[in-house]
Amino acid sequence: MANIRDLKKDINYVLGDIIEAVYIVDAANNKPDSKEGAKIIDSAIETFDDLIAKVNQRSVENRPAHLKSVKAELEKKGAALIEQLNKLG
């Protein structure tokens, strides 16, 4: 398992890129602050907060397995957000 710092960076980069893409799609469609885009951004922020809290949990039995599951959850939720983003454009 990669170190915790790298996992936190991955979470930040993936979700940050999704948020940035929402702004780009909204700007390209001349729909600044669209409701659909705001929902995606809110979901990305909630996902970020949830995943960082899980990474910071220290009272788990098998920490490497726990961190691996957090990484898998990032991939799953990130893909779902990207799918929503693709429907936005």
Protein backbone atom coordinates (compact mmCIF):
# COMPACT_ATOMS: atom_id res chain seq x y z
CA MET A 1 0.00 0.00 0.00
CA ALA A 2 1.28 3.42 -0.90
CA ASN A 3 1.81 5.73 1.98
CA ILE A 4 -1.01 7.70 3.54
CA ARG A 5 0.24 11.02 2.20
CA ASP A 6 0.00 9.72 -1.38
CA LEU A 7 -3.52 8.43 -0.77
CA LYS A 8 -4.59 11.83 0.57
CA LYS A 9 -3.02 13.51 -2.48
CA ASP A 10 -4.87 11.11 -4.79
CA ILE A 11 -8.16 11.93 -3.09
CA ASN A 12 -7.46 15.65 -3.38
CA TYR A 13 -6.36 15.52 -7.03
CA VAL A 14 -9.17 13.28 -8.28
CA LEU A 15 -11.98 15.16 -6.62
CA GLY A 16 -10.37 18.55 -7.30
CA ASP A 17 -10.10 17.71 -11.00
CA ILE A 18 -13.76 16.70 -11.08
CA ILE A 19 -14.79 20.01 -9.49
CA GLU A 20 -12.62 21.93 -11.94
CA ALA A 21 -14.14 20.00 -14.87
CA VAL A 22 -17.64 20.96 -13.71
CA TYR A 23 -16.68 24.63 -13.86
CA ILE A 24 -15.18 24.16 -17.33
CA VAL A 25 -18.26 22.36 -18.67
CA ASP A 26 -20.56 24.98 -17.16
CA ALA A 27 -18.50 27.78 -18.71
CA ALA A 28 -18.41 26.05 -22.10
CA ASN A 29 -22.20 25.68 -22.06
CA ASN A 30 -22.74 29.29 -20.88
CA LYS A 31 -24.46 27.98 -17.74
CA PRO A 32 -22.42 29.35 -14.85
CA ASP A 33 -23.58 27.99 -11.51
CA SER A 34 -25.96 25.40 -12.96
CA LYS A 35 -27.95 23.37 -10.43
CA GLU A 36 -26.72 20.08 -11.90
CA GLY A 37 -23.10 21.23 -11.67
CA ALA A 38 -23.62 22.40 -8.09
CA LYS A 39 -24.95 18.94 -7.16
CA ILE A 40 -21.84 17.28 -8.59
CA ILE A 41 -19.59 19.72 -6.74
CA ASP A 42 -21.45 19.13 -3.47
CA SER A 43 -21.16 15.36 -3.95
CA ALA A 44 -17.43 15.69 -4.63
CA ILE A 45 -16.93 17.75 -1.46
CA GLU A 46 -18.93 15.29 0.64
CA THR A 47 -16.93 12.41 -0.83
CA PHE A 48 -13.68 14.23 -0.06
CA ASP A 49 -14.67 14.84 3.56
CA ASP A 50 -15.84 11.23 3.98
CA LEU A 51 -12.71 9.67 2.46
CA ILE A 52 -10.27 11.90 4.38
CA ALA A 53 -12.07 11.03 7.62
CA LYS A 54 -11.72 7.33 6.78
CA VAL A 55 -8.01 7.72 6.00
CA ASN A 56 -7.48 9.46 9.35
CA GLN A 57 -9.21 6.67 11.31
CA ARG A 58 -6.61 4.94 13.42
CA SER A 59 -8.83 2.59 15.39
CA VAL A 60 -9.27 -0.02 12.66
CA GLU A 61 -8.08 -3.59 13.06
CA ASN A 62 -6.32 -4.07 9.74
CA ARG A 63 -5.09 -0.62 8.66
CA PRO A 64 -3.56 -1.67 5.29
CA ALA A 65 -6.79 -3.41 4.26
CA HIS A 66 -8.80 -0.40 5.45
CA LEU A 67 -6.68 1.99 3.36
CA LYS A 68 -7.00 -0.30 0.37
CA SER A 69 -10.79 -0.18 0.72
CA VAL A 70 -10.64 3.63 0.91
CA LYS A 71 -8.69 3.69 -2.36
CA ALA A 72 -11.25 1.36 -3.97
CA GLU A 73 -14.06 3.60 -2.72
CA LEU A 74 -12.31 6.63 -4.25
CA GLU A 75 -12.16 4.86 -7.61
CA LYS A 76 -15.83 3.84 -7.42
CA LYS A 77 -17.18 7.22 -6.31
CA GLY A 78 -14.86 9.10 -8.66
CA ALA A 79 -16.13 7.07 -11.61
CA ALA A 80 -19.73 7.79 -10.59
CA LEU A 81 -19.03 11.52 -10.38
CA ILE A 82 -17.33 11.45 -13.79
CA GLU A 83 -20.37 9.70 -15.24
CA GLN A 84 -22.59 12.47 -13.85
CA LEU A 85 -20.18 15.05 -15.28
CA ASN A 86 -20.37 13.46 -18.73
CA LYS A 87 -24.17 13.77 -18.64
CA LEU A 88 -23.81 17.45 -17.73
CA GLY A 89 -22.09 18.32 -21.01
